[in-house]
N, C-alpha and C. Protein backbone atom coordinates (compact mmCIF):
# COMPACT_ATOMS: atom_id res chain seq x y z
N MET A 1 26.82 8.58 -8.71
CA MET A 1 27.03 8.84 -10.28
C MET A 1 25.88 10.11 -10.67
N THR A 2 26.71 10.87 -11.52
CA THR A 2 25.83 12.06 -12.02
C THR A 2 25.45 11.44 -13.48
N VAL A 3 23.89 11.50 -13.57
CA VAL A 3 23.37 11.09 -14.85
C VAL A 3 23.06 12.42 -15.55
N HIS A 4 23.54 12.33 -16.82
CA HIS A 4 23.28 13.34 -17.58
C HIS A 4 22.03 13.24 -18.51
N LEU A 5 20.92 13.91 -18.25
CA LEU A 5 19.58 13.34 -18.90
C LEU A 5 19.75 13.41 -20.29
N SER A 6 20.62 13.93 -20.96
CA SER A 6 20.86 13.86 -22.58
C SER A 6 21.32 12.47 -22.89
N ALA A 7 22.12 11.91 -22.09
CA ALA A 7 22.51 10.57 -22.38
C ALA A 7 21.51 9.73 -21.99
N LEU A 8 20.58 9.69 -20.89
CA LEU A 8 19.70 8.85 -20.34
C LEU A 8 18.75 8.93 -21.34
N ARG A 9 18.36 10.00 -21.96
CA ARG A 9 17.38 10.39 -22.93
C ARG A 9 17.61 9.35 -24.23
N GLY A 10 18.85 9.37 -24.78
CA GLY A 10 19.12 8.60 -25.72
C GLY A 10 19.10 7.39 -25.51
N TRP A 11 19.64 6.63 -24.21
CA TRP A 11 19.42 5.34 -24.01
C TRP A 11 18.28 4.93 -23.97
N LEU A 12 17.27 5.48 -23.11
CA LEU A 12 15.89 5.31 -23.32
C LEU A 12 15.13 4.93 -24.71
N LEU A 13 15.33 5.89 -25.56
CA LEU A 13 14.76 5.94 -26.96
C LEU A 13 15.35 4.75 -27.51
N ALA A 14 16.48 4.34 -27.46
CA ALA A 14 17.37 3.12 -28.21
C ALA A 14 16.86 1.90 -27.47
N GLU A 15 16.84 1.81 -26.01
CA GLU A 15 16.67 0.39 -25.29
C GLU A 15 15.11 0.25 -24.99
N HIS A 16 14.17 1.33 -25.04
CA HIS A 16 12.79 1.09 -24.54
C HIS A 16 11.87 1.62 -25.58
N ALA A 17 12.31 1.69 -26.91
CA ALA A 17 11.62 2.31 -28.08
C ALA A 17 10.14 1.96 -28.40
N ASN A 18 9.94 0.56 -27.46
CA ASN A 18 8.55 0.12 -27.78
C ASN A 18 7.50 1.08 -26.88
N THR A 19 7.88 1.63 -25.90
CA THR A 19 7.24 2.33 -24.88
C THR A 19 7.48 3.91 -24.52
N VAL A 20 8.73 4.13 -25.08
CA VAL A 20 9.01 5.42 -24.79
C VAL A 20 9.38 6.27 -26.07
N ASP A 21 8.98 7.51 -26.36
CA ASP A 21 9.27 8.36 -27.36
C ASP A 21 9.81 9.73 -27.08
N ALA A 22 10.37 10.51 -27.57
CA ALA A 22 11.01 11.88 -27.47
C ALA A 22 9.69 12.85 -26.70
N ASP A 23 8.81 12.80 -27.42
CA ASP A 23 7.59 13.73 -27.02
C ASP A 23 7.17 13.32 -25.52
N ARG A 24 6.94 12.06 -25.36
CA ARG A 24 6.54 11.52 -24.07
C ARG A 24 7.54 12.12 -23.01
N LEU A 25 9.04 11.96 -23.17
CA LEU A 25 10.05 12.42 -22.21
C LEU A 25 9.93 13.71 -21.98
N THR A 26 9.80 14.58 -23.02
CA THR A 26 9.64 16.10 -22.76
C THR A 26 8.58 16.60 -22.10
N ALA A 27 7.41 15.91 -22.19
CA ALA A 27 6.04 16.30 -21.62
C ALA A 27 6.15 16.05 -20.28
N ILE A 28 6.55 14.81 -19.86
CA ILE A 28 6.72 14.38 -18.36
C ILE A 28 7.71 15.23 -17.58
N ALA A 29 9.05 15.48 -18.25
CA ALA A 29 9.84 16.45 -17.45
C ALA A 29 9.24 17.90 -17.48
N THR A 30 8.64 18.25 -18.29
CA THR A 30 7.89 19.72 -18.29
C THR A 30 7.25 19.66 -17.03
N GLN A 31 6.33 18.80 -16.90
CA GLN A 31 5.27 18.74 -15.81
C GLN A 31 6.06 18.74 -14.47
N LEU A 32 7.05 17.84 -14.43
CA LEU A 32 7.92 17.77 -13.09
C LEU A 32 8.62 18.87 -12.52
N ARG A 33 9.22 19.64 -13.74
CA ARG A 33 9.65 20.94 -13.20
C ARG A 33 8.73 21.95 -12.85
N HIS A 34 7.30 21.99 -13.66
CA HIS A 34 6.53 22.87 -12.85
C HIS A 34 6.11 22.49 -11.55
N MET A 35 5.93 21.15 -11.12
CA MET A 35 5.84 20.73 -9.99
C MET A 35 6.70 21.14 -8.79
N VAL A 36 7.96 20.95 -9.18
CA VAL A 36 9.18 21.29 -8.32
C VAL A 36 8.90 22.80 -8.09
N LYS A 37 8.74 23.67 -9.21
CA LYS A 37 8.97 25.15 -9.19
C LYS A 37 7.77 25.73 -8.46
N ASP A 38 6.57 24.97 -8.42
CA ASP A 38 5.32 25.44 -7.77
C ASP A 38 5.30 24.88 -6.24
N GLY A 39 6.21 24.20 -5.80
CA GLY A 39 6.21 23.62 -4.67
C GLY A 39 4.85 22.56 -4.38
N VAL A 40 4.76 21.81 -5.23
CA VAL A 40 3.60 21.11 -5.24
C VAL A 40 3.84 19.83 -4.21
N GLU A 41 3.22 19.62 -3.05
CA GLU A 41 3.54 18.47 -2.19
C GLU A 41 2.92 17.25 -2.69
N GLY A 42 3.62 15.95 -2.22
CA GLY A 42 2.96 14.91 -2.38
C GLY A 42 4.20 13.88 -3.16
N ALA A 43 3.96 12.74 -3.29
CA ALA A 43 4.64 11.70 -3.96
C ALA A 43 4.33 11.77 -5.54
N VAL A 44 5.02 11.14 -6.23
CA VAL A 44 4.94 10.92 -7.65
C VAL A 44 4.60 9.39 -7.82
N VAL A 45 3.95 9.05 -8.67
CA VAL A 45 3.18 7.67 -8.87
C VAL A 45 3.00 7.39 -10.30
N GLU A 46 3.40 6.03 -10.73
CA GLU A 46 3.12 5.78 -12.12
C GLU A 46 2.09 4.59 -11.98
N VAL A 47 1.28 4.53 -12.57
CA VAL A 47 0.30 3.47 -12.85
C VAL A 47 0.11 2.77 -13.82
N GLY A 48 1.21 1.64 -14.01
CA GLY A 48 1.51 0.95 -15.38
C GLY A 48 2.80 0.96 -15.68
N CYS A 49 3.61 0.42 -15.08
CA CYS A 49 5.12 1.24 -15.01
C CYS A 49 5.99 0.18 -16.16
N TYR A 50 5.42 -1.20 -16.49
CA TYR A 50 6.12 -2.02 -17.36
C TYR A 50 7.24 -2.31 -16.78
N ARG A 51 8.48 -2.04 -17.53
CA ARG A 51 10.04 -2.36 -17.17
C ARG A 51 10.56 -1.17 -16.43
N GLY A 52 9.80 -0.18 -16.09
CA GLY A 52 10.34 1.07 -15.16
C GLY A 52 11.03 2.13 -16.10
N ALA A 53 10.92 2.02 -17.47
CA ALA A 53 11.69 3.25 -17.89
C ALA A 53 11.40 4.45 -17.80
N MET A 54 9.85 4.62 -17.67
CA MET A 54 9.27 6.01 -17.32
C MET A 54 9.76 6.57 -16.05
N ALA A 55 9.85 5.53 -14.97
CA ALA A 55 10.17 5.62 -13.60
C ALA A 55 11.28 6.26 -13.45
N LEU A 56 12.09 5.41 -14.18
CA LEU A 56 13.65 6.05 -14.20
C LEU A 56 13.93 7.48 -14.60
N TRP A 57 13.25 7.82 -15.69
CA TRP A 57 13.28 9.00 -16.20
C TRP A 57 12.92 10.12 -15.30
N MET A 58 11.79 9.74 -14.54
CA MET A 58 11.17 10.81 -13.72
C MET A 58 12.13 11.03 -12.44
N ARG A 59 12.73 9.80 -11.96
CA ARG A 59 13.92 9.80 -10.87
C ARG A 59 14.95 10.59 -11.37
N ALA A 60 15.52 10.63 -12.48
CA ALA A 60 16.56 11.21 -12.89
C ALA A 60 16.30 12.86 -13.06
N VAL A 61 14.95 13.16 -13.55
CA VAL A 61 14.71 14.42 -13.80
C VAL A 61 14.86 15.14 -12.31
N LEU A 62 14.00 14.51 -11.21
CA LEU A 62 13.74 15.00 -9.97
C LEU A 62 14.89 15.28 -9.34
N ASP A 63 15.96 14.25 -9.72
CA ASP A 63 17.33 14.18 -8.87
C ASP A 63 18.25 15.51 -9.63
N GLU A 64 17.91 15.73 -10.72
CA GLU A 64 18.57 17.07 -11.53
C GLU A 64 17.97 18.17 -11.09
N LEU A 65 16.67 18.25 -10.72
CA LEU A 65 16.09 19.36 -10.00
C LEU A 65 16.16 19.49 -8.51
N GLY A 66 17.20 18.62 -7.94
CA GLY A 66 17.50 18.92 -6.26
C GLY A 66 16.42 18.24 -5.69
N ASP A 67 15.35 17.42 -6.40
CA ASP A 67 14.30 17.00 -5.41
C ASP A 67 14.31 15.42 -5.31
N LYS A 68 15.45 15.25 -4.80
CA LYS A 68 16.19 13.75 -4.36
C LYS A 68 15.29 12.90 -3.62
N ASP A 69 14.36 13.46 -2.66
CA ASP A 69 13.87 12.73 -1.59
C ASP A 69 12.39 12.67 -1.84
N ARG A 70 11.84 12.86 -3.01
CA ARG A 70 10.58 12.83 -3.28
C ARG A 70 10.27 11.33 -3.73
N PRO A 71 9.63 10.85 -2.90
CA PRO A 71 9.20 9.23 -3.50
C PRO A 71 8.60 8.98 -4.77
N ILE A 72 8.79 7.81 -5.21
CA ILE A 72 8.02 7.51 -6.48
C ILE A 72 7.60 6.13 -6.42
N HIS A 73 6.20 6.06 -6.55
CA HIS A 73 5.59 4.53 -6.18
C HIS A 73 4.93 4.25 -7.55
N VAL A 74 5.40 2.90 -8.02
CA VAL A 74 4.99 2.37 -9.33
C VAL A 74 4.11 1.21 -9.27
N TYR A 75 3.14 1.20 -9.87
CA TYR A 75 2.26 -0.06 -9.79
C TYR A 75 1.97 -0.84 -11.02
N ASP A 76 1.75 -2.41 -11.05
CA ASP A 76 1.82 -2.78 -12.30
C ASP A 76 1.32 -4.19 -11.87
N SER A 77 0.70 -5.03 -12.83
CA SER A 77 0.28 -6.28 -12.31
C SER A 77 1.52 -7.25 -12.42
N PHE A 78 2.42 -6.96 -13.44
CA PHE A 78 3.51 -7.69 -13.43
C PHE A 78 2.92 -9.37 -14.02
N ALA A 79 1.91 -9.17 -14.38
CA ALA A 79 1.17 -10.43 -15.13
C ALA A 79 0.61 -10.27 -16.54
N GLY A 80 1.35 -8.96 -17.09
CA GLY A 80 0.83 -8.48 -18.27
C GLY A 80 -0.79 -7.78 -18.43
N LEU A 81 -1.09 -7.28 -19.42
CA LEU A 81 -2.38 -6.67 -19.55
C LEU A 81 -3.45 -7.60 -19.39
N PRO A 82 -4.64 -7.15 -18.51
CA PRO A 82 -5.93 -7.71 -18.57
C PRO A 82 -6.46 -7.86 -19.82
N ALA A 83 -7.65 -8.58 -19.93
CA ALA A 83 -8.22 -8.73 -21.36
C ALA A 83 -9.03 -7.23 -21.48
N PRO A 84 -8.97 -7.08 -23.00
CA PRO A 84 -9.69 -5.64 -23.03
C PRO A 84 -11.15 -5.94 -23.11
N GLY A 85 -11.76 -4.86 -22.55
CA GLY A 85 -13.25 -4.76 -22.50
C GLY A 85 -13.72 -4.28 -23.58
N ASP A 86 -15.24 -4.15 -23.49
CA ASP A 86 -16.08 -3.82 -24.95
C ASP A 86 -16.12 -2.40 -25.15
N ARG A 87 -15.08 -1.59 -24.40
CA ARG A 87 -15.04 -0.23 -24.48
C ARG A 87 -13.57 -0.12 -25.35
N ASP A 88 -12.90 -0.87 -25.26
CA ASP A 88 -11.31 -1.13 -25.85
C ASP A 88 -11.54 -1.58 -27.39
N SER A 89 -10.43 -1.36 -27.75
CA SER A 89 -9.97 -1.93 -29.16
C SER A 89 -9.04 -3.31 -28.85
N ASN A 90 -8.90 -3.80 -29.94
CA ASN A 90 -8.00 -5.18 -29.90
C ASN A 90 -6.62 -5.21 -30.26
N HIS A 91 -6.33 -3.69 -30.01
CA HIS A 91 -4.98 -3.67 -30.44
C HIS A 91 -3.85 -4.12 -29.42
N LEU A 92 -4.13 -4.33 -28.31
CA LEU A 92 -3.42 -5.21 -27.38
C LEU A 92 -4.19 -6.08 -26.81
N GLY A 93 -3.67 -7.19 -26.47
CA GLY A 93 -4.72 -8.53 -26.06
C GLY A 93 -3.84 -8.78 -24.52
N GLU A 94 -4.67 -9.67 -23.93
CA GLU A 94 -4.53 -10.23 -22.54
C GLU A 94 -3.05 -10.75 -22.35
N GLY A 95 -2.35 -10.52 -21.45
CA GLY A 95 -1.06 -11.01 -21.28
C GLY A 95 0.10 -10.34 -21.86
N GLU A 96 -0.27 -9.42 -22.70
CA GLU A 96 0.62 -8.33 -23.48
C GLU A 96 1.43 -7.57 -22.48
N LEU A 97 2.83 -7.18 -22.73
CA LEU A 97 3.47 -6.24 -21.71
C LEU A 97 3.68 -6.85 -20.40
N MET A 98 4.12 -7.93 -20.55
CA MET A 98 4.61 -8.61 -19.24
C MET A 98 6.01 -8.34 -18.58
N SER A 99 6.15 -7.80 -17.46
CA SER A 99 7.35 -7.66 -16.86
C SER A 99 7.42 -8.16 -15.44
N THR A 100 8.61 -7.98 -14.87
CA THR A 100 8.65 -8.52 -13.31
C THR A 100 9.22 -7.28 -12.48
N PRO A 101 8.93 -7.15 -11.27
CA PRO A 101 9.60 -6.26 -10.55
C PRO A 101 10.81 -6.21 -10.70
N ALA A 102 11.81 -7.30 -10.85
CA ALA A 102 13.36 -7.37 -11.41
C ALA A 102 13.64 -6.56 -12.23
N ASP A 103 12.62 -6.55 -13.32
CA ASP A 103 12.92 -5.65 -14.63
C ASP A 103 13.27 -4.22 -14.08
N VAL A 104 12.46 -3.69 -13.28
CA VAL A 104 11.94 -2.43 -12.91
C VAL A 104 13.51 -2.14 -12.34
N VAL A 105 13.80 -2.99 -11.03
CA VAL A 105 15.08 -2.90 -10.31
C VAL A 105 16.19 -2.72 -11.33
N SER A 106 16.26 -3.60 -12.27
CA SER A 106 17.47 -3.70 -13.15
C SER A 106 17.63 -2.34 -14.01
N THR A 107 16.45 -1.91 -14.60
CA THR A 107 16.44 -0.63 -15.36
C THR A 107 16.96 0.28 -14.47
N HIS A 108 16.50 0.65 -13.36
CA HIS A 108 17.24 1.46 -12.53
C HIS A 108 18.71 1.42 -12.23
N ALA A 109 19.02 0.14 -11.86
CA ALA A 109 20.39 -0.23 -11.64
C ALA A 109 21.32 0.08 -12.76
N ALA A 110 20.86 0.14 -14.12
CA ALA A 110 21.59 0.33 -15.07
C ALA A 110 22.21 1.83 -14.95
N TRP A 111 21.55 2.77 -14.40
CA TRP A 111 22.00 4.09 -14.33
C TRP A 111 22.10 4.28 -13.00
N HIS A 112 22.26 3.25 -11.87
CA HIS A 112 22.75 3.75 -10.68
C HIS A 112 21.64 4.55 -9.83
N LYS A 113 20.56 4.30 -10.27
CA LYS A 113 19.41 5.06 -9.42
C LYS A 113 18.77 4.26 -8.50
N PRO A 114 18.26 4.72 -7.46
CA PRO A 114 17.49 3.75 -6.35
C PRO A 114 16.16 3.48 -7.10
N SER A 115 15.67 2.19 -6.69
CA SER A 115 14.27 1.65 -7.46
C SER A 115 13.11 2.49 -6.76
N PRO A 116 12.23 2.64 -7.37
CA PRO A 116 10.72 3.27 -6.81
C PRO A 116 10.16 2.25 -5.82
N VAL A 117 9.28 2.51 -5.12
CA VAL A 117 8.44 1.75 -4.41
C VAL A 117 7.70 1.01 -5.20
N ILE A 118 7.84 -0.22 -5.39
CA ILE A 118 7.08 -1.22 -6.31
C ILE A 118 5.95 -1.98 -5.71
N HIS A 119 4.76 -1.65 -6.50
CA HIS A 119 3.41 -2.42 -5.93
C HIS A 119 2.84 -3.10 -7.06
N PRO A 120 3.26 -4.56 -6.61
CA PRO A 120 2.64 -5.58 -7.81
C PRO A 120 1.35 -5.98 -7.36
N GLY A 121 0.49 -6.19 -8.55
CA GLY A 121 -1.00 -6.59 -8.42
C GLY A 121 -1.95 -5.77 -9.31
N TRP A 122 -3.10 -6.31 -9.40
CA TRP A 122 -3.83 -5.71 -10.28
C TRP A 122 -4.34 -4.22 -9.71
N PHE A 123 -4.71 -3.46 -10.15
CA PHE A 123 -4.79 -2.09 -9.91
C PHE A 123 -6.14 -2.08 -8.88
N ALA A 124 -6.99 -2.63 -9.28
CA ALA A 124 -8.35 -2.72 -8.54
C ALA A 124 -7.87 -3.22 -7.09
N ASP A 125 -6.76 -3.93 -6.92
CA ASP A 125 -6.35 -4.67 -5.46
C ASP A 125 -5.40 -3.74 -4.91
N THR A 126 -4.41 -3.17 -5.70
CA THR A 126 -3.53 -2.30 -4.94
C THR A 126 -3.67 -0.89 -4.70
N LEU A 127 -4.72 -0.12 -5.55
CA LEU A 127 -4.62 1.04 -5.56
C LEU A 127 -5.53 1.76 -4.31
N PRO A 128 -6.38 0.92 -4.33
CA PRO A 128 -7.26 1.21 -3.06
C PRO A 128 -6.55 1.75 -1.80
N ASP A 129 -5.73 0.93 -1.42
CA ASP A 129 -5.10 1.16 0.15
C ASP A 129 -3.34 1.17 0.07
N GLN A 130 -3.17 1.41 -1.22
CA GLN A 130 -1.45 1.44 -1.54
C GLN A 130 -0.85 2.47 -2.10
N MET A 131 -1.81 3.54 -2.41
CA MET A 131 -1.56 4.78 -2.83
C MET A 131 -1.22 5.64 -1.90
N PRO A 132 -0.21 6.56 -1.95
CA PRO A 132 0.17 7.73 -1.04
C PRO A 132 -1.09 8.60 -0.73
N GLU A 133 -0.95 9.11 0.39
CA GLU A 133 -2.33 9.94 0.73
C GLU A 133 -2.17 11.39 -0.18
N THR A 134 -0.95 11.62 -0.43
CA THR A 134 -0.96 12.89 -1.23
C THR A 134 -0.16 12.68 -2.50
N ILE A 135 -0.62 12.88 -3.68
CA ILE A 135 0.01 12.84 -5.03
C ILE A 135 0.32 14.14 -5.35
N ALA A 136 1.53 14.47 -5.85
CA ALA A 136 2.03 15.76 -6.89
C ALA A 136 1.83 15.70 -8.09
N PHE A 137 2.23 14.47 -8.55
CA PHE A 137 2.13 14.20 -10.09
C PHE A 137 1.95 12.67 -10.48
N GLY A 138 1.08 12.41 -11.24
CA GLY A 138 0.90 11.03 -11.74
C GLY A 138 0.96 10.77 -13.17
N TYR A 139 1.73 9.43 -13.45
CA TYR A 139 1.53 9.04 -14.85
C TYR A 139 0.85 7.84 -15.05
N LEU A 140 -0.35 8.01 -15.90
CA LEU A 140 -1.37 6.89 -15.78
C LEU A 140 -1.15 6.30 -17.18
N ASP A 141 -0.91 4.95 -17.31
CA ASP A 141 -0.35 4.31 -18.35
C ASP A 141 -1.25 2.94 -18.42
N GLY A 142 -2.48 2.74 -18.31
CA GLY A 142 -3.22 1.50 -18.13
C GLY A 142 -3.68 0.85 -19.31
N ASP A 143 -3.67 1.70 -20.44
CA ASP A 143 -4.17 1.17 -21.94
C ASP A 143 -5.54 1.03 -22.00
N PHE A 144 -5.96 0.38 -21.11
CA PHE A 144 -7.77 0.04 -21.27
C PHE A 144 -8.43 0.97 -20.31
N TYR A 145 -9.77 0.80 -20.91
CA TYR A 145 -10.94 1.79 -20.09
C TYR A 145 -10.91 1.36 -18.49
N ASP A 146 -11.05 0.27 -18.15
CA ASP A 146 -11.18 -0.25 -16.69
C ASP A 146 -10.22 0.16 -15.95
N SER A 147 -8.52 -0.05 -16.48
CA SER A 147 -7.48 0.32 -15.94
C SER A 147 -7.51 2.07 -15.65
N ILE A 148 -7.80 2.65 -16.58
CA ILE A 148 -7.70 3.97 -16.64
C ILE A 148 -8.55 4.66 -15.36
N TYR A 149 -9.99 4.14 -15.76
CA TYR A 149 -10.90 4.36 -14.88
C TYR A 149 -10.75 4.15 -13.43
N VAL A 150 -10.24 3.15 -12.90
CA VAL A 150 -9.70 2.68 -11.51
C VAL A 150 -8.75 3.90 -11.23
N SER A 151 -7.85 3.85 -11.91
CA SER A 151 -6.64 4.90 -11.77
C SER A 151 -6.96 6.41 -11.37
N LEU A 152 -8.02 6.72 -12.24
CA LEU A 152 -8.41 8.30 -12.03
C LEU A 152 -9.15 8.05 -10.59
N THR A 153 -10.01 7.18 -10.54
CA THR A 153 -10.93 6.99 -9.13
C THR A 153 -9.90 7.30 -7.93
N HIS A 154 -8.85 6.69 -7.93
CA HIS A 154 -7.92 6.73 -6.70
C HIS A 154 -6.88 7.48 -6.81
N CYS A 155 -6.48 8.46 -7.98
CA CYS A 155 -5.63 9.44 -7.93
C CYS A 155 -6.19 10.68 -7.84
N VAL A 156 -7.28 10.79 -8.64
CA VAL A 156 -7.68 12.37 -8.73
C VAL A 156 -8.07 12.62 -7.07
N PRO A 157 -8.60 12.27 -6.43
CA PRO A 157 -9.03 12.76 -4.86
C PRO A 157 -7.67 13.05 -4.28
N ARG A 158 -6.59 12.35 -4.53
CA ARG A 158 -5.55 12.41 -3.59
C ARG A 158 -4.54 13.41 -4.30
N LEU A 159 -4.87 14.03 -5.36
CA LEU A 159 -3.94 15.39 -5.92
C LEU A 159 -3.97 16.43 -5.06
N SER A 160 -2.80 17.03 -4.96
CA SER A 160 -2.41 18.22 -4.28
C SER A 160 -3.06 19.32 -5.30
N HIS A 161 -3.10 20.47 -4.44
CA HIS A 161 -3.46 21.74 -5.27
C HIS A 161 -2.34 22.00 -6.20
N LEU A 162 -2.64 22.05 -7.51
CA LEU A 162 -1.91 22.19 -8.82
C LEU A 162 -1.21 20.84 -9.17
N GLY A 163 -1.50 19.65 -8.23
CA GLY A 163 -1.13 18.50 -8.97
C GLY A 163 -1.62 18.13 -10.01
N ALA A 164 -0.84 17.38 -10.70
CA ALA A 164 -1.15 16.79 -12.10
C ALA A 164 -1.06 15.59 -12.60
N LEU A 165 -2.00 14.93 -13.50
CA LEU A 165 -1.91 13.54 -13.87
C LEU A 165 -1.81 13.99 -15.61
N ILE A 166 -0.77 12.93 -16.03
CA ILE A 166 -0.69 12.73 -17.48
C ILE A 166 -1.22 11.48 -17.74
N ILE A 167 -2.12 11.26 -18.60
CA ILE A 167 -2.91 9.98 -19.03
C ILE A 167 -2.45 9.81 -20.43
N ASP A 168 -1.59 8.76 -20.32
CA ASP A 168 -0.90 8.13 -21.72
C ASP A 168 -2.27 7.75 -22.52
N ASP A 169 -2.04 7.76 -23.75
CA ASP A 169 -2.83 7.31 -25.06
C ASP A 169 -4.44 7.91 -24.81
N TYR A 170 -4.17 9.09 -24.22
CA TYR A 170 -5.47 9.94 -24.56
C TYR A 170 -5.61 10.58 -25.74
N ALA A 171 -6.43 10.55 -26.99
CA ALA A 171 -6.54 10.57 -27.97
C ALA A 171 -7.67 11.35 -28.30
N ASP A 172 -7.82 12.83 -28.07
CA ASP A 172 -8.65 13.70 -28.73
C ASP A 172 -8.68 14.07 -30.05
N THR A 173 -9.03 13.14 -31.04
CA THR A 173 -8.72 13.45 -32.61
C THR A 173 -9.41 14.79 -33.09
N VAL A 174 -10.37 15.30 -32.24
CA VAL A 174 -11.10 16.84 -32.74
C VAL A 174 -9.89 17.70 -32.38
N VAL A 175 -9.38 17.82 -31.38
CA VAL A 175 -8.27 18.72 -31.00
C VAL A 175 -7.04 18.45 -31.81
N ASN A 176 -6.57 17.13 -31.80
CA ASN A 176 -5.27 16.98 -32.39
C ASN A 176 -5.64 15.91 -33.47
N PRO A 177 -6.11 16.06 -34.60
CA PRO A 177 -6.49 15.03 -35.62
C PRO A 177 -5.13 13.86 -35.94
N LYS A 178 -4.05 14.46 -35.52
CA LYS A 178 -2.68 13.47 -35.76
C LYS A 178 -2.63 12.56 -34.61
N ALA A 179 -3.31 12.72 -33.45
CA ALA A 179 -3.14 11.74 -32.28
C ALA A 179 -3.50 10.40 -32.87
N TRP A 180 -2.36 9.52 -32.01
CA TRP A 180 -2.78 8.11 -32.33
C TRP A 180 -3.70 7.62 -31.34
N ASP A 181 -4.77 6.90 -32.14
CA ASP A 181 -5.90 6.63 -31.44
C ASP A 181 -6.03 4.91 -31.36
N GLY A 182 -4.99 4.24 -31.02
CA GLY A 182 -5.07 2.93 -30.86
C GLY A 182 -5.78 2.17 -29.82
N LEU A 183 -5.85 3.02 -28.74
CA LEU A 183 -6.58 2.41 -27.45
C LEU A 183 -7.47 3.45 -27.00
N PRO A 184 -8.51 3.36 -27.83
CA PRO A 184 -9.86 4.40 -27.44
C PRO A 184 -10.56 4.30 -25.99
N GLY A 185 -10.19 3.18 -25.38
CA GLY A 185 -10.95 3.11 -24.06
C GLY A 185 -10.01 4.33 -23.14
N VAL A 186 -9.15 4.51 -23.30
CA VAL A 186 -8.64 5.34 -22.51
C VAL A 186 -9.17 7.05 -22.54
N LYS A 187 -9.60 7.25 -23.36
CA LYS A 187 -10.25 8.78 -23.52
C LYS A 187 -11.70 8.56 -23.08
N ARG A 188 -12.12 7.36 -23.30
CA ARG A 188 -13.72 7.10 -23.03
C ARG A 188 -13.88 6.93 -21.40
N ALA A 189 -12.72 6.56 -20.84
CA ALA A 189 -12.71 6.23 -19.37
C ALA A 189 -12.66 7.73 -18.54
N CYS A 190 -11.83 8.65 -19.48
CA CYS A 190 -11.82 9.85 -18.89
C CYS A 190 -12.75 10.58 -19.02
N ASP A 191 -13.62 10.39 -20.15
CA ASP A 191 -14.92 11.14 -20.49
C ASP A 191 -15.88 10.75 -19.44
N ASP A 192 -15.98 9.45 -19.06
CA ASP A 192 -16.75 8.94 -18.18
C ASP A 192 -16.65 9.52 -16.86
N TYR A 193 -15.48 9.47 -16.36
CA TYR A 193 -15.04 9.88 -15.02
C TYR A 193 -15.11 11.56 -14.70
N PHE A 194 -14.72 12.30 -15.83
CA PHE A 194 -14.83 13.82 -15.53
C PHE A 194 -15.99 14.33 -16.19
N GLY A 195 -16.72 13.66 -17.15
CA GLY A 195 -17.85 14.35 -17.72
C GLY A 195 -17.57 15.36 -18.63
N THR A 196 -18.59 16.21 -18.92
CA THR A 196 -18.39 17.37 -19.96
C THR A 196 -18.75 18.70 -19.51
N PRO A 197 -18.15 19.76 -19.65
CA PRO A 197 -16.80 19.89 -20.63
C PRO A 197 -15.55 19.10 -19.85
N THR A 198 -14.84 18.56 -20.56
CA THR A 198 -13.75 17.91 -19.59
C THR A 198 -12.50 18.62 -19.28
N PRO A 199 -11.97 18.71 -18.25
CA PRO A 199 -11.03 19.42 -17.91
C PRO A 199 -9.65 19.07 -18.35
N VAL A 200 -9.66 17.87 -19.14
CA VAL A 200 -8.44 17.25 -19.51
C VAL A 200 -7.85 17.94 -20.83
N GLU A 201 -6.86 18.63 -20.66
CA GLU A 201 -5.97 19.35 -21.75
C GLU A 201 -5.30 18.35 -22.76
N VAL A 202 -5.55 18.40 -23.81
CA VAL A 202 -4.53 17.69 -24.99
C VAL A 202 -3.13 18.26 -25.11
N LEU A 203 -2.10 17.39 -25.05
CA LEU A 203 -0.81 17.88 -25.10
C LEU A 203 -0.38 17.31 -26.57
N VAL A 204 0.12 18.45 -27.40
CA VAL A 204 0.72 18.07 -28.64
C VAL A 204 2.01 18.06 -28.76
N GLY A 205 2.62 16.83 -29.30
CA GLY A 205 4.13 16.95 -29.38
C GLY A 205 4.58 17.53 -30.40
N ASP A 206 6.08 17.77 -30.27
CA ASP A 206 6.58 18.50 -31.50
C ASP A 206 7.24 17.58 -32.54
N GLY A 207 7.21 16.31 -32.39
CA GLY A 207 7.58 15.29 -33.48
C GLY A 207 6.80 15.36 -34.51
N ASP A 208 6.32 13.93 -34.82
CA ASP A 208 5.33 13.69 -35.96
C ASP A 208 3.72 14.07 -35.49
N GLY A 209 3.95 14.54 -34.44
CA GLY A 209 2.38 15.11 -34.12
C GLY A 209 1.45 13.94 -33.61
N ASP A 210 1.68 12.66 -33.42
CA ASP A 210 0.90 11.71 -33.09
C ASP A 210 0.81 11.56 -31.78
N LEU A 211 1.26 12.18 -30.90
CA LEU A 211 1.43 12.03 -29.35
C LEU A 211 -0.23 12.19 -28.65
N ALA A 212 -0.59 11.11 -28.05
CA ALA A 212 -1.59 10.91 -27.62
C ALA A 212 -1.58 11.13 -25.88
N PHE A 213 -1.79 12.27 -25.52
CA PHE A 213 -1.56 12.61 -24.04
C PHE A 213 -2.53 13.34 -23.45
N GLY A 214 -3.08 13.15 -22.37
CA GLY A 214 -4.07 14.07 -21.69
C GLY A 214 -3.41 14.71 -20.41
N LEU A 215 -3.71 15.82 -20.05
CA LEU A 215 -3.35 16.42 -18.96
C LEU A 215 -4.11 16.95 -17.95
N TYR A 216 -4.42 16.60 -16.86
CA TYR A 216 -5.47 16.97 -15.93
C TYR A 216 -4.60 17.84 -14.75
N ARG A 217 -4.96 19.00 -14.36
CA ARG A 217 -4.41 19.63 -13.24
C ARG A 217 -5.45 19.89 -12.48
N ARG A 218 -5.05 19.54 -11.09
CA ARG A 218 -6.17 20.24 -9.89
C ARG A 218 -5.94 21.68 -9.53
N SER A 219 -6.80 22.33 -9.75
CA SER A 219 -6.47 24.00 -9.68
C SER A 219 -7.20 24.49 -8.08
N ALA A 220 -8.04 23.35 -7.76
CA ALA A 220 -8.58 23.79 -6.60
C ALA A 220 -8.82 22.88 -5.27
């Protein structure tokens, strides 16, 4: 079955509106196109996949680009979020955003797409020895400081030359004052991991401007 990205985009925006928006879809598709154009080697990973909406979008974009054999690995506790730490806000609480591996499979089956490789468990337990050796692109959606920090720790060293990571909820309100800053632990984790000056680029959306996305690209 051929999936038309415009139809899938509309479905994702309607059925997964709590985790997906148009600017996110556009930004991720843009980076995947760069990855394929530049011939970046490695797998695609998503750390914090919830019900699999973004993994489905990435699979469909890769398939449209003719990159059908590139594996996608997804990681989630499937027990909801951990408790926020002292570097986080209380916007989200322990146990929220709970899903199951079956949800990920069902999301992909709805569009006749193969499921990604699913890694259930807390990031600190799965990422150290279940990450692909080489990563071409990663989408980090851990929401909290500790989750993002451990994601960076295990993804950045595995990035290929010109490989990229998008960090969801990265809000630099100095660069983009409109960015939604409801999960401040994300940027704090990036600042602590990368130091200053930060190599993380702020991505600004085309819509209402509140996109909170950071991009890290490995150039050496």
